[in-house]
Amino acid sequence: MILLMKRSFIFYSLLLTTLFSCKKEEMDVYRSGHFIQFTQAITDTTNFSFFFYPGKDELSIPMPIRLVGTMPEADIKYELKVDAKASTAQSQHYSLPASFEFRKGLAIDTAWVTIKKTPEMTTTTYLLVITIAPEGEVKPGQTVYAKRIFRINDMVTKPSWWDSNMDRFYLGEYTERKFRKFMEFTGVGDLSEKSDTEKTELIKRFKYYLIQMKDAGTPVLEDDGSDMLSTIPIAG
């Protein structure tokens, strides 16, 4: 029993020593200069569809950047580049500034990339891979946070905000036709940042529009011929 306890003590002592050494090495590296990395890991691909933004031909997407290491005493410049080998997007699909500034006093700042809609996006998805360039005053931090990946198109897909609660209490079961009609009437395709009050107001307005259309003798129908109004569960 005593021998077992001694072995356990030695094992955990070695484990703690190893962990401390790794942590110390990491800290020493970051003390040696300025490092930046995306706050989102390379495994977290961002899907973007212009379908959710009717009337928009281009949009700017934020890319939060984290500073790791010593805090700078002034603004520092850094560069982001498109990985041409990994990307299928072409120059007409995006715009990226030649350089950015990370503002002093901040632990997290934001870089922006502008994406542009083209006609072929209704049938084709483009991959845009942006990487932190090693040139300049700062270097890339952890490898897993050194790139951002975007999938860009103009296709109709069920949005993530249309969840089970949306099915049961708000818009009802998802159909592409219902989604298109909702967007045509409200001009809104993304409810992910809307409050419950805002969502309720938009959906009630849409339901009232469907009521008006039915009362006028021109009900809005689903592709299977059913009355779209009957599929909207929200009260009021």
C-alpha atoms as a PDB file:
ATOM      1  CA  MET A   1       0.000   0.000   0.000  1.00  0.00           C
ATOM      2  CA  ILE A   2       2.804   2.382   0.943  1.00  0.00           C
ATOM      3  CA  LEU A   3       4.678   1.459  -2.252  1.00  0.00           C
ATOM      4  CA  LEU A   4       1.553   2.174  -4.315  1.00  0.00           C
ATOM      5  CA  MET A   5       1.137   5.562  -2.654  1.00  0.00           C
ATOM      6  CA  LYS A   6       4.775   6.424  -3.353  1.00  0.00           C
ATOM      7  CA  ARG A   7       4.381   5.481  -7.039  1.00  0.00           C
ATOM      8  CA  SER A   8       1.203   7.554  -7.312  1.00  0.00           C
ATOM      9  CA  PHE A   9       2.934  10.528  -5.730  1.00  0.00           C
ATOM     10  CA  ILE A  10       5.870  10.239  -8.139  1.00  0.00           C
ATOM     11  CA  PHE A  11       3.533   9.928 -11.150  1.00  0.00           C
ATOM     12  CA  TYR A  12       1.497  13.026 -10.267  1.00  0.00           C
ATOM     13  CA  SER A  13       4.650  14.966  -9.411  1.00  0.00           C
ATOM     14  CA  LEU A  14       6.069  14.194 -12.845  1.00  0.00           C
ATOM     15  CA  LEU A  15       2.760  15.055 -14.491  1.00  0.00           C
ATOM     16  CA  LEU A  16       2.560  18.431 -12.738  1.00  0.00           C
ATOM     17  CA  THR A  17       6.184  19.148 -13.588  1.00  0.00           C
ATOM     18  CA  THR A  18       5.554  18.388 -17.256  1.00  0.00           C
ATOM     19  CA  LEU A  19       2.430  20.542 -17.388  1.00  0.00           C
ATOM     20  CA  PHE A  20       4.186  23.401 -15.642  1.00  0.00           C
ATOM     21  CA  SER A  21       7.146  23.146 -18.016  1.00  0.00           C
ATOM     22  CA  CYS A  22       4.872  23.221 -21.071  1.00  0.00           C
ATOM     23  CA  LYS A  23       2.973  26.195 -19.684  1.00  0.00           C
ATOM     24  CA  LYS A  24       6.213  28.002 -18.865  1.00  0.00           C
ATOM     25  CA  GLU A  25       7.559  27.355 -22.364  1.00  0.00           C
ATOM     26  CA  GLU A  26       4.369  28.741 -23.883  1.00  0.00           C
ATOM     27  CA  MET A  27       4.532  31.818 -21.665  1.00  0.00           C
ATOM     28  CA  ASP A  28       8.200  32.386 -22.513  1.00  0.00           C
ATOM     29  CA  VAL A  29       7.410  32.226 -26.227  1.00  0.00           C
ATOM     30  CA  TYR A  30       4.568  34.730 -25.933  1.00  0.00           C
ATOM     31  CA  ARG A  31       6.717  37.059 -23.823  1.00  0.00           C
ATOM     32  CA  SER A  32       9.164  37.316 -26.711  1.00  0.00           C
ATOM     33  CA  GLY A  33       6.895  39.447 -28.909  1.00  0.00           C
ATOM     34  CA  HIS A  34       3.406  40.164 -30.210  1.00  0.00           C
ATOM     35  CA  PHE A  35       1.236  37.344 -31.553  1.00  0.00           C
ATOM     36  CA  ILE A  36      -2.285  37.479 -32.958  1.00  0.00           C
ATOM     37  CA  GLN A  37      -4.828  34.811 -33.738  1.00  0.00           C
ATOM     38  CA  PHE A  38      -8.472  34.546 -34.709  1.00  0.00           C
ATOM     39  CA  THR A  39     -10.889  33.949 -31.861  1.00  0.00           C
ATOM     40  CA  GLN A  40     -12.584  31.268 -33.966  1.00  0.00           C
ATOM     41  CA  ALA A  41     -10.801  27.969 -34.608  1.00  0.00           C
ATOM     42  CA  ILE A  42      -9.973  26.728 -38.100  1.00  0.00           C
ATOM     43  CA  THR A  43     -12.433  23.855 -37.588  1.00  0.00           C
ATOM     44  CA  ASP A  44     -15.354  26.310 -37.258  1.00  0.00           C
ATOM     45  CA  THR A  45     -16.266  27.022 -40.879  1.00  0.00           C
ATOM     46  CA  THR A  46     -18.585  30.009 -41.345  1.00  0.00           C
ATOM     47  CA  ASN A  47     -21.422  29.410 -43.821  1.00  0.00           C
ATOM     48  CA  PHE A  48     -22.722  32.565 -45.497  1.00  0.00           C
ATOM     49  CA  SER A  49     -25.571  32.892 -47.979  1.00  0.00           C
ATOM     50  CA  PHE A  50     -26.635  36.138 -49.646  1.00  0.00           C
ATOM     51  CA  PHE A  51     -30.134  34.670 -49.743  1.00  0.00           C
ATOM     52  CA  PHE A  52     -30.593  35.809 -46.135  1.00  0.00           C
ATOM     53  CA  TYR A  53     -29.793  39.423 -47.082  1.00  0.00           C
ATOM     54  CA  PRO A  54     -32.218  40.445 -49.845  1.00  0.00           C
ATOM     55  CA  GLY A  55     -31.158  43.478 -51.867  1.00  0.00           C
ATOM     56  CA  LYS A  56     -27.526  43.271 -50.752  1.00  0.00           C
ATOM     57  CA  ASP A  57     -24.779  42.810 -53.337  1.00  0.00           C
ATOM     58  CA  GLU A  58     -21.913  42.938 -50.866  1.00  0.00           C
ATOM     59  CA  LEU A  59     -21.490  42.650 -47.112  1.00  0.00           C
ATOM     60  CA  SER A  60     -18.677  43.072 -44.614  1.00  0.00           C
ATOM     61  CA  ILE A  61     -18.037  40.156 -42.263  1.00  0.00           C
ATOM     62  CA  PRO A  62     -16.256  40.694 -38.934  1.00  0.00           C
ATOM     63  CA  MET A  63     -13.260  38.569 -37.983  1.00  0.00           C
ATOM     64  CA  PRO A  64     -12.375  39.115 -34.297  1.00  0.00           C
ATOM     65  CA  ILE A  65      -8.630  38.983 -33.651  1.00  0.00           C
ATOM     66  CA  ARG A  66      -7.040  38.219 -30.272  1.00  0.00           C
ATOM     67  CA  LEU A  67      -3.670  39.581 -29.144  1.00  0.00           C
ATOM     68  CA  VAL A  68      -1.455  37.099 -27.337  1.00  0.00           C
ATOM     69  CA  GLY A  69       1.812  38.036 -25.650  1.00  0.00           C
ATOM     70  CA  THR A  70       3.071  41.414 -24.528  1.00  0.00           C
ATOM     71  CA  MET A  71       0.752  44.408 -24.834  1.00  0.00           C
ATOM     72  CA  PRO A  72       1.996  46.948 -27.391  1.00  0.00           C
ATOM     73  CA  GLU A  73       2.573  50.568 -26.433  1.00  0.00           C
ATOM     74  CA  ALA A  74       1.163  51.764 -29.767  1.00  0.00           C
ATOM     75  CA  ASP A  75      -1.053  50.534 -32.582  1.00  0.00           C
ATOM     76  CA  ILE A  76       0.589  47.683 -34.465  1.00  0.00           C
ATOM     77  CA  LYS A  77       0.117  46.665 -38.084  1.00  0.00           C
ATOM     78  CA  TYR A  78      -0.617  43.151 -39.284  1.00  0.00           C
ATOM     79  CA  GLU A  79      -1.568  41.496 -42.542  1.00  0.00           C
ATOM     80  CA  LEU A  80      -4.212  38.976 -43.541  1.00  0.00           C
ATOM     81  CA  LYS A  81      -3.991  37.126 -46.827  1.00  0.00           C
ATOM     82  CA  VAL A  82      -6.222  34.866 -48.869  1.00  0.00           C
ATOM     83  CA  ASP A  83      -4.859  31.338 -49.151  1.00  0.00           C
ATOM     84  CA  ALA A  84      -5.117  31.015 -52.936  1.00  0.00           C
ATOM     85  CA  LYS A  85      -4.339  27.299 -52.933  1.00  0.00           C
ATOM     86  CA  ALA A  86      -7.049  26.431 -50.412  1.00  0.00           C
ATOM     87  CA  SER A  87      -9.654  28.917 -51.714  1.00  0.00           C
ATOM     88  CA  THR A  88     -11.991  28.548 -54.681  1.00  0.00           C
ATOM     89  CA  ALA A  89     -13.224  32.148 -54.360  1.00  0.00           C
ATOM     90  CA  GLN A  90     -11.743  34.580 -56.893  1.00  0.00           C
ATOM     91  CA  SER A  91     -10.919  38.278 -56.592  1.00  0.00           C
ATOM     92  CA  GLN A  92     -14.410  39.275 -57.797  1.00  0.00           C
ATOM     93  CA  HIS A  93     -15.919  37.506 -54.786  1.00  0.00           C
ATOM     94  CA  TYR A  94     -14.188  39.419 -52.001  1.00  0.00           C
ATOM     95  CA  SER A  95     -12.202  42.489 -50.969  1.00  0.00           C
ATOM     96  CA  LEU A  96      -9.523  42.386 -48.269  1.00  0.00           C
ATOM     97  CA  PRO A  97      -7.425  45.398 -47.169  1.00  0.00           C
ATOM     98  CA  ALA A  98      -3.662  45.153 -47.650  1.00  0.00           C
ATOM     99  CA  SER A  99      -3.041  45.708 -43.938  1.00  0.00           C
ATOM    100  CA  PHE A 100      -4.821  46.204 -40.629  1.00  0.00           C
ATOM    101  CA  GLU A 101      -4.058  47.911 -37.322  1.00  0.00           C
ATOM    102  CA  PHE A 102      -4.476  46.313 -33.935  1.00  0.00           C
ATOM    103  CA  ARG A 103      -5.291  49.192 -31.607  1.00  0.00           C
ATOM    104  CA  LYS A 104      -3.280  49.641 -28.444  1.00  0.00           C
ATOM    105  CA  GLY A 105      -4.973  48.851 -25.152  1.00  0.00           C
ATOM    106  CA  LEU A 106      -7.203  46.162 -26.674  1.00  0.00           C
ATOM    107  CA  ALA A 107      -6.985  42.430 -26.110  1.00  0.00           C
ATOM    108  CA  ILE A 108      -9.406  41.746 -28.984  1.00  0.00           C
ATOM    109  CA  ASP A 109      -9.859  43.846 -32.119  1.00  0.00           C
ATOM    110  CA  THR A 110     -11.772  43.206 -35.354  1.00  0.00           C
ATOM    111  CA  ALA A 111     -10.680  42.826 -38.965  1.00  0.00           C
ATOM    112  CA  TRP A 112     -13.242  42.907 -41.777  1.00  0.00           C
ATOM    113  CA  VAL A 113     -13.516  41.143 -45.100  1.00  0.00           C
ATOM    114  CA  THR A 114     -16.032  42.244 -47.742  1.00  0.00           C
ATOM    115  CA  ILE A 115     -17.733  39.537 -49.768  1.00  0.00           C
ATOM    116  CA  LYS A 116     -19.444  40.244 -53.072  1.00  0.00           C
ATOM    117  CA  LYS A 117     -22.408  38.525 -54.676  1.00  0.00           C
ATOM    118  CA  THR A 118     -22.109  37.164 -58.207  1.00  0.00           C
ATOM    119  CA  PRO A 119     -24.821  35.454 -60.328  1.00  0.00           C
ATOM    120  CA  GLU A 120     -23.185  32.014 -60.202  1.00  0.00           C
ATOM    121  CA  MET A 121     -23.515  31.902 -56.415  1.00  0.00           C
ATOM    122  CA  THR A 122     -27.115  30.708 -56.817  1.00  0.00           C
ATOM    123  CA  THR A 123     -25.704  27.345 -57.900  1.00  0.00           C
ATOM    124  CA  THR A 124     -22.082  27.365 -56.723  1.00  0.00           C
ATOM    125  CA  THR A 125     -20.529  27.578 -53.248  1.00  0.00           C
ATOM    126  CA  TYR A 126     -17.133  29.244 -52.975  1.00  0.00           C
ATOM    127  CA  LEU A 127     -14.541  28.580 -50.312  1.00  0.00           C
ATOM    128  CA  LEU A 128     -12.637  31.577 -48.961  1.00  0.00           C
ATOM    129  CA  VAL A 129      -9.688  30.848 -46.653  1.00  0.00           C
ATOM    130  CA  ILE A 130      -8.046  33.791 -44.886  1.00  0.00           C
ATOM    131  CA  THR A 131      -4.787  33.382 -43.033  1.00  0.00           C
ATOM    132  CA  ILE A 132      -2.660  35.539 -40.748  1.00  0.00           C
ATOM    133  CA  ALA A 133       0.492  36.507 -42.614  1.00  0.00           C
ATOM    134  CA  PRO A 134       3.824  36.030 -40.819  1.00  0.00           C
ATOM    135  CA  GLU A 135       5.159  39.361 -42.099  1.00  0.00           C
ATOM    136  CA  GLY A 136       4.997  42.613 -40.168  1.00  0.00           C
ATOM    137  CA  GLU A 137       5.216  43.556 -36.512  1.00  0.00           C
ATOM    138  CA  VAL A 138       3.220  40.597 -35.257  1.00  0.00           C
ATOM    139  CA  LYS A 139       3.317  36.865 -35.892  1.00  0.00           C
ATOM    140  CA  PRO A 140       0.562  34.225 -36.028  1.00  0.00           C
ATOM    141  CA  GLY A 141      -0.259  32.629 -32.683  1.00  0.00           C
ATOM    142  CA  GLN A 142      -1.595  29.102 -32.286  1.00  0.00           C
ATOM    143  CA  THR A 143      -1.905  27.195 -35.572  1.00  0.00           C
ATOM    144  CA  VAL A 144      -5.496  26.133 -34.892  1.00  0.00           C
ATOM    145  CA  TYR A 145      -6.480  29.835 -34.760  1.00  0.00           C
ATOM    146  CA  ALA A 146      -4.344  31.028 -37.689  1.00  0.00           C
ATOM    147  CA  LYS A 147      -7.031  30.732 -40.400  1.00  0.00           C
ATOM    148  CA  ARG A 148     -10.690  31.569 -40.996  1.00  0.00           C
ATOM    149  CA  ILE A 149     -12.736  29.583 -43.487  1.00  0.00           C
ATOM    150  CA  PHE A 150     -15.898  30.868 -45.179  1.00  0.00           C
ATOM    151  CA  ARG A 151     -18.330  29.025 -47.445  1.00  0.00           C
ATOM    152  CA  ILE A 152     -20.124  31.622 -49.568  1.00  0.00           C
ATOM    153  CA  ASN A 153     -23.143  31.255 -51.835  1.00  0.00           C
ATOM    154  CA  ASP A 154     -26.592  32.669 -52.647  1.00  0.00           C
ATOM    155  CA  MET A 155     -28.535  29.458 -52.118  1.00  0.00           C
ATOM    156  CA  VAL A 156     -31.682  28.748 -50.157  1.00  0.00           C
ATOM    157  CA  THR A 157     -31.018  26.708 -47.026  1.00  0.00           C
ATOM    158  CA  LYS A 158     -32.897  26.285 -43.784  1.00  0.00           C
ATOM    159  CA  PRO A 159     -31.354  28.837 -41.398  1.00  0.00           C
ATOM    160  CA  SER A 160     -30.004  27.751 -38.022  1.00  0.00           C
ATOM    161  CA  TRP A 161     -32.394  30.099 -36.195  1.00  0.00           C
ATOM    162  CA  TRP A 162     -35.376  28.142 -37.605  1.00  0.00           C
ATOM    163  CA  ASP A 163     -35.214  25.586 -34.803  1.00  0.00           C
ATOM    164  CA  SER A 164     -37.788  23.381 -33.061  1.00  0.00           C
ATOM    165  CA  ASN A 165     -39.194  26.358 -31.132  1.00  0.00           C
ATOM    166  CA  MET A 166     -39.720  28.204 -34.414  1.00  0.00           C
ATOM    167  CA  ASP A 167     -41.545  25.120 -35.734  1.00  0.00           C
ATOM    168  CA  ARG A 168     -43.799  24.777 -32.680  1.00  0.00           C
ATOM    169  CA  PHE A 169     -44.566  28.350 -31.660  1.00  0.00           C
ATOM    170  CA  TYR A 170     -43.769  30.823 -34.436  1.00  0.00           C
ATOM    171  CA  LEU A 171     -43.547  30.112 -38.183  1.00  0.00           C
ATOM    172  CA  GLY A 172     -44.377  26.432 -38.162  1.00  0.00           C
ATOM    173  CA  GLU A 173     -42.645  23.718 -40.145  1.00  0.00           C
ATOM    174  CA  TYR A 174     -39.981  24.992 -42.523  1.00  0.00           C
ATOM    175  CA  THR A 175     -40.569  25.038 -46.258  1.00  0.00           C
ATOM    176  CA  GLU A 176     -38.555  26.913 -48.846  1.00  0.00           C
ATOM    177  CA  ARG A 177     -41.668  28.591 -50.217  1.00  0.00           C
ATOM    178  CA  LYS A 178     -42.707  29.833 -46.760  1.00  0.00           C
ATOM    179  CA  PHE A 179     -39.231  31.176 -46.112  1.00  0.00           C
ATOM    180  CA  ARG A 180     -39.183  32.991 -49.453  1.00  0.00           C
ATOM    181  CA  LYS A 181     -42.603  34.542 -48.826  1.00  0.00           C
ATOM    182  CA  PHE A 182     -41.585  35.599 -45.316  1.00  0.00           C
ATOM    183  CA  MET A 183     -38.477  37.306 -46.696  1.00  0.00           C
ATOM    184  CA  GLU A 184     -40.356  38.950 -49.564  1.00  0.00           C
ATOM    185  CA  PHE A 185     -42.871  40.488 -47.180  1.00  0.00           C
ATOM    186  CA  THR A 186     -40.635  41.443 -44.232  1.00  0.00           C
ATOM    187  CA  GLY A 187     -37.342  42.054 -46.066  1.00  0.00           C
ATOM    188  CA  VAL A 188     -35.636  40.122 -43.265  1.00  0.00           C
ATOM    189  CA  GLY A 189     -33.864  36.792 -43.668  1.00  0.00           C
ATOM    190  CA  ASP A 190     -31.846  36.552 -40.476  1.00  0.00           C
ATOM    191  CA  LEU A 191     -33.600  36.400 -37.107  1.00  0.00           C
ATOM    192  CA  SER A 192     -30.618  35.102 -35.151  1.00  0.00           C
ATOM    193  CA  GLU A 193     -29.859  38.524 -33.620  1.00  0.00           C
ATOM    194  CA  LYS A 194     -33.492  39.515 -33.089  1.00  0.00           C
ATOM    195  CA  SER A 195     -35.057  39.594 -29.637  1.00  0.00           C
ATOM    196  CA  ASP A 196     -38.142  37.499 -28.894  1.00  0.00           C
ATOM    197  CA  THR A 197     -40.237  40.664 -29.108  1.00  0.00           C
ATOM    198  CA  GLU A 198     -38.815  41.595 -32.517  1.00  0.00           C
ATOM    199  CA  LYS A 199     -39.288  38.058 -33.857  1.00  0.00           C
ATOM    200  CA  THR A 200     -42.871  37.967 -32.614  1.00  0.00           C
ATOM    201  CA  GLU A 201     -43.690  41.314 -34.242  1.00  0.00           C
ATOM    202  CA  LEU A 202     -42.250  40.290 -37.624  1.00  0.00           C
ATOM    203  CA  ILE A 203     -44.010  36.928 -37.654  1.00  0.00           C
ATOM    204  CA  LYS A 204     -47.355  38.414 -36.572  1.00  0.00           C
ATOM    205  CA  ARG A 205     -47.080  40.963 -39.391  1.00  0.00           C
ATOM    206  CA  PHE A 206     -46.426  38.106 -41.823  1.00  0.00           C
ATOM    207  CA  LYS A 207     -49.402  36.152 -40.480  1.00  0.00           C
ATOM    208  CA  TYR A 208     -51.641  39.218 -40.828  1.00  0.00           C
ATOM    209  CA  TYR A 209     -50.477  39.538 -44.453  1.00  0.00           C
ATOM    210  CA  LEU A 210     -51.497  35.901 -45.063  1.00  0.00           C
ATOM    211  CA  ILE A 211     -54.905  36.597 -43.465  1.00  0.00           C
ATOM    212  CA  GLN A 212     -55.416  39.591 -45.760  1.00  0.00           C
ATOM    213  CA  MET A 213     -54.505  37.538 -48.806  1.00  0.00           C
ATOM    214  CA  LYS A 214     -56.951  34.793 -47.815  1.00  0.00           C
ATOM    215  CA  ASP A 215     -59.753  37.274 -47.110  1.00  0.00           C
ATOM    216  CA  ALA A 216     -59.171  38.764 -50.565  1.00  0.00           C
ATOM    217  CA  GLY A 217     -59.742  35.346 -52.105  1.00  0.00           C
ATOM    218  CA  THR A 218     -56.093  34.887 -53.066  1.00  0.00           C
ATOM    219  CA  PRO A 219     -54.649  32.688 -50.301  1.00  0.00           C
ATOM    220  CA  VAL A 220     -50.912  32.022 -50.316  1.00  0.00           C
ATOM    221  CA  LEU A 221     -50.436  28.320 -50.915  1.00  0.00           C
ATOM    222  CA  GLU A 222     -47.604  25.907 -50.199  1.00  0.00           C
ATOM    223  CA  ASP A 223     -46.156  23.831 -53.023  1.00  0.00           C
ATOM    224  CA  ASP A 224     -48.487  20.961 -52.089  1.00  0.00           C
ATOM    225  CA  GLY A 225     -51.552  23.240 -52.415  1.00  0.00           C
ATOM    226  CA  SER A 226     -52.200  23.643 -48.681  1.00  0.00           C
ATOM    227  CA  ASP A 227     -53.044  27.030 -47.181  1.00  0.00           C
ATOM    228  CA  MET A 228     -49.828  28.534 -45.774  1.00  0.00           C
ATOM    229  CA  LEU A 229     -51.808  30.444 -43.145  1.00  0.00           C
ATOM    230  CA  SER A 230     -52.940  27.198 -41.541  1.00  0.00           C
ATOM    231  CA  THR A 231     -49.324  26.222 -40.877  1.00  0.00           C
ATOM    232  CA  ILE A 232     -48.444  29.338 -38.825  1.00  0.00           C
ATOM    233  CA  PRO A 233     -48.884  28.494 -35.110  1.00  0.00           C
ATOM    234  CA  ILE A 234     -48.215  31.904 -33.585  1.00  0.00           C
ATOM    235  CA  ALA A 235     -51.268  33.353 -31.822  1.00  0.00           C
ATOM    236  CA  GLY A 236     -52.664  36.753 -32.643  1.00  0.00           C
END
